[in-house]
Protein backbone atom coordinates (compact mmCIF):
# COMPACT_ATOMS: atom_id res chain seq x y z
CA UNK A 1 0.00 0.05 -0.20
CA UNK A 2 1.75 3.38 -0.94
CA UNK A 3 1.53 5.76 1.84
CA UNK A 4 2.36 9.21 2.77
CA UNK A 5 3.03 11.21 5.95
CA UNK A 6 1.08 14.43 6.93
CA UNK A 7 2.14 16.75 9.16
CA UNK A 8 -0.26 19.07 10.94
CA UNK A 9 0.50 22.08 12.03
CA UNK A 10 3.79 21.80 13.54
CA UNK A 11 4.42 25.40 13.48
CA UNK A 12 6.08 27.96 16.28
CA UNK A 13 3.05 29.43 17.29
CA UNK A 14 1.56 26.19 18.51
CA UNK A 15 4.82 25.52 20.70
CA UNK A 16 5.50 21.99 19.67
CA UNK A 17 7.73 20.44 21.53
CA UNK A 18 11.27 19.87 20.98
CA UNK A 19 10.98 15.44 20.67
CA UNK A 20 7.87 16.20 18.24
CA UNK A 21 9.60 17.97 16.07
CA UNK A 22 12.96 15.95 15.62
CA UNK A 23 11.31 12.60 15.64
CA UNK A 24 9.14 14.37 12.75
CA UNK A 25 12.03 15.24 10.92
CA UNK A 26 13.59 12.08 11.06
CA UNK A 27 10.55 10.43 9.82
CA UNK A 28 10.30 12.88 6.80
CA UNK A 29 13.71 11.73 5.40
CA UNK A 30 12.14 8.47 4.89
CA UNK A 31 8.94 8.94 3.17
CA UNK A 32 6.88 11.26 0.49
CA UNK A 33 5.76 13.88 3.20
CA UNK A 34 3.53 16.80 3.45
CA UNK A 35 2.33 19.14 5.97
CA UNK A 36 -0.13 21.84 6.93
CA UNK A 37 0.03 25.25 8.31
CA UNK A 38 -2.23 27.33 10.29
CA UNK A 39 -2.79 30.68 8.98
CA UNK A 40 -4.95 33.38 10.27
CA UNK A 41 -7.96 34.88 8.21
CA UNK A 42 -10.68 36.16 10.33
CA UNK A 43 -12.64 36.28 6.92
CA UNK A 44 -12.50 32.57 6.64
CA UNK A 45 -12.32 31.46 9.93
CA UNK A 46 -13.52 33.54 13.12
CA UNK A 47 -10.57 31.96 15.67
CA UNK A 48 -10.31 35.43 17.66
CA UNK A 49 -13.60 36.17 17.32
CA UNK A 50 -15.16 33.12 18.62
CA UNK A 51 -12.28 31.98 20.62
CA UNK A 52 -10.27 34.89 21.72
CA UNK A 53 -7.42 33.50 20.10
CA UNK A 54 -5.80 33.74 16.57
CA UNK A 55 -2.77 31.80 14.95
CA UNK A 56 0.00 33.52 13.62
CA UNK A 57 -0.22 35.39 10.04
CA UNK A 58 2.74 33.78 8.71
CA UNK A 59 4.37 30.76 10.73
CA UNK A 60 6.12 28.31 8.61
CA UNK A 61 6.37 24.62 9.05
CA UNK A 62 9.30 23.76 11.92
CA UNK A 63 9.77 20.39 9.53
CA UNK A 64 10.70 20.74 5.87
CA UNK A 65 8.41 18.22 3.68
CA UNK A 66 8.21 17.80 0.26
CA UNK A 67 4.80 20.04 -0.31
CA UNK A 68 3.12 22.67 2.35
CA UNK A 69 -0.83 23.71 2.03
CA UNK A 70 -1.76 26.67 3.76
CA UNK A 71 -5.45 26.05 6.03
CA UNK A 72 -7.42 28.69 7.61
CA UNK A 73 -9.39 26.51 10.34
CA UNK A 74 -9.75 23.06 11.52
CA UNK A 75 -9.66 21.29 8.17
CA UNK A 76 -7.41 20.76 5.40
CA UNK A 77 -7.34 22.45 2.35
CA UNK A 78 -9.35 20.52 -0.57
CA UNK A 79 -6.46 20.63 -2.74
CA UNK A 80 -4.56 18.35 -0.21
CA UNK A 81 -6.70 15.44 -0.69
CA UNK A 82 -6.67 16.21 -4.34
CA UNK A 83 -3.00 15.81 -4.56
CA UNK A 84 -2.72 12.56 -2.35
CA UNK A 85 -5.28 11.37 -4.35
CA UNK A 86 -3.39 12.18 -7.60
CA UNK A 87 -0.33 10.60 -6.31
CA UNK A 88 -1.94 7.60 -6.00
CA UNK A 89 -1.25 7.15 -2.16
CA UNK A 90 -3.61 4.78 -0.47
CA UNK A 91 -2.63 5.27 3.22
CA UNK A 92 -1.84 8.56 4.77
CA UNK A 93 0.39 8.70 8.39
CA UNK A 94 -0.56 11.70 10.02
CA UNK A 95 0.82 13.12 12.94
CA UNK A 96 1.10 16.81 14.70
CA UNK A 97 -0.53 19.13 16.94
CA UNK A 98 -3.97 18.75 18.36
CA UNK A 99 -4.89 14.98 18.13
CA UNK A 100 -8.17 15.41 18.61
CA UNK A 101 -9.20 18.63 16.77
CA UNK A 102 -6.92 19.34 13.56
CA UNK A 103 -5.40 16.00 13.42
CA UNK A 104 -9.31 14.33 13.60
CA UNK A 105 -10.51 16.62 10.95
CA UNK A 106 -7.45 15.76 8.63
CA UNK A 107 -8.70 11.65 9.36
CA UNK A 108 -12.01 12.59 8.66
CA UNK A 109 -11.59 14.37 5.42
CA UNK A 110 -8.52 11.17 4.59
CA UNK A 111 -11.68 8.74 5.35
CA UNK A 112 -14.10 10.67 3.34
CA UNK A 113 -12.15 10.69 0.42
CA UNK A 114 -11.51 6.81 0.14
CA UNK A 115 -7.89 7.14 1.90
CA UNK A 116 -6.68 5.18 4.82
CA UNK A 117 -5.87 7.93 7.81
CA UNK A 118 -3.41 6.22 10.45
CA UNK A 119 -2.35 8.60 12.99
CA UNK A 120 1.53 8.06 14.54
CA UNK A 121 0.59 8.72 18.05
CA UNK A 122 4.25 8.67 19.39
CA UNK A 123 4.43 11.67 16.95
CA UNK A 124 1.05 13.55 17.87
CA UNK A 125 0.22 16.25 20.81
CA UNK A 126 -3.06 17.16 21.85
CA UNK A 127 -5.00 19.98 22.92
CA UNK A 128 -4.46 21.71 26.25
CA UNK A 129 -7.14 18.88 27.48
CA UNK A 130 -5.07 15.88 26.85
CA UNK A 131 -1.45 17.07 25.71
CA UNK A 132 -0.55 12.96 25.54
CA UNK A 133 -3.34 12.54 22.42
CA UNK A 134 -4.67 9.69 24.51
CA UNK A 135 -8.26 11.10 23.81
CA UNK A 136 -7.62 11.63 19.96
CA UNK A 137 -6.20 8.02 19.63
CA UNK A 138 -9.45 6.69 21.22
CA UNK A 139 -11.55 8.89 18.93
CA UNK A 140 -9.34 7.60 15.56
CA UNK A 141 -9.99 4.10 16.40
CA UNK A 142 -13.73 4.65 17.01
CA UNK A 143 -14.24 6.50 13.66
CA UNK A 144 -11.28 4.85 11.56
CA UNK A 145 -10.65 1.12 12.98
CA UNK A 146 -8.52 -0.74 16.15
CA UNK A 147 -5.52 -0.31 13.33
CA UNK A 148 -5.82 3.53 12.62
CA UNK A 149 -3.07 4.15 15.37
CA UNK A 150 0.48 3.47 15.79
CA UNK A 151 2.03 4.17 19.21
CA UNK A 152 5.32 3.29 18.23
CA UNK A 153 8.18 3.74 15.23
CA UNK A 154 8.73 -0.49 15.81
CA UNK A 155 5.11 -0.72 14.91
CA UNK A 156 5.19 1.57 11.92
CA UNK A 157 8.46 -0.73 10.69
CA UNK A 158 6.73 -3.50 11.53
CA UNK A 159 3.64 -2.82 9.15
CA UNK A 160 6.09 -1.69 6.26
CA UNK A 161 8.21 -5.17 6.17
């Protein structure tokens, strides 16, 4: 099964932990990878008006991937799904920021597009509700199946053989 890595919102304004950035940086060197970066545009997504918070207007991803897609809000842009499908990927490994919101939103879009979303839990953090990403992992398993969450690099490697 052809697979790609999708890195969700690993950018300065979200203060990702150093271990996460380093781990993702190692993994992106091993496979085709894409990233999303959240940019603020209040006319598109009312973060400031509704939540009293806004992402930085020009953050860049903290890991270098083959392609970057700008998004405004929780969902990835439709162009991301089109790109992954045009490249004939079937499984998309997802890691990054906010397991139970932005990562899960990407998972829904991938699933609805006929792709196989798989969370890399050891490279994903949750929101302030659950930085461990345990809540996000439970939601992924519930919505995408028991095999949709990998807990370690060893699990990923064993599945590649």
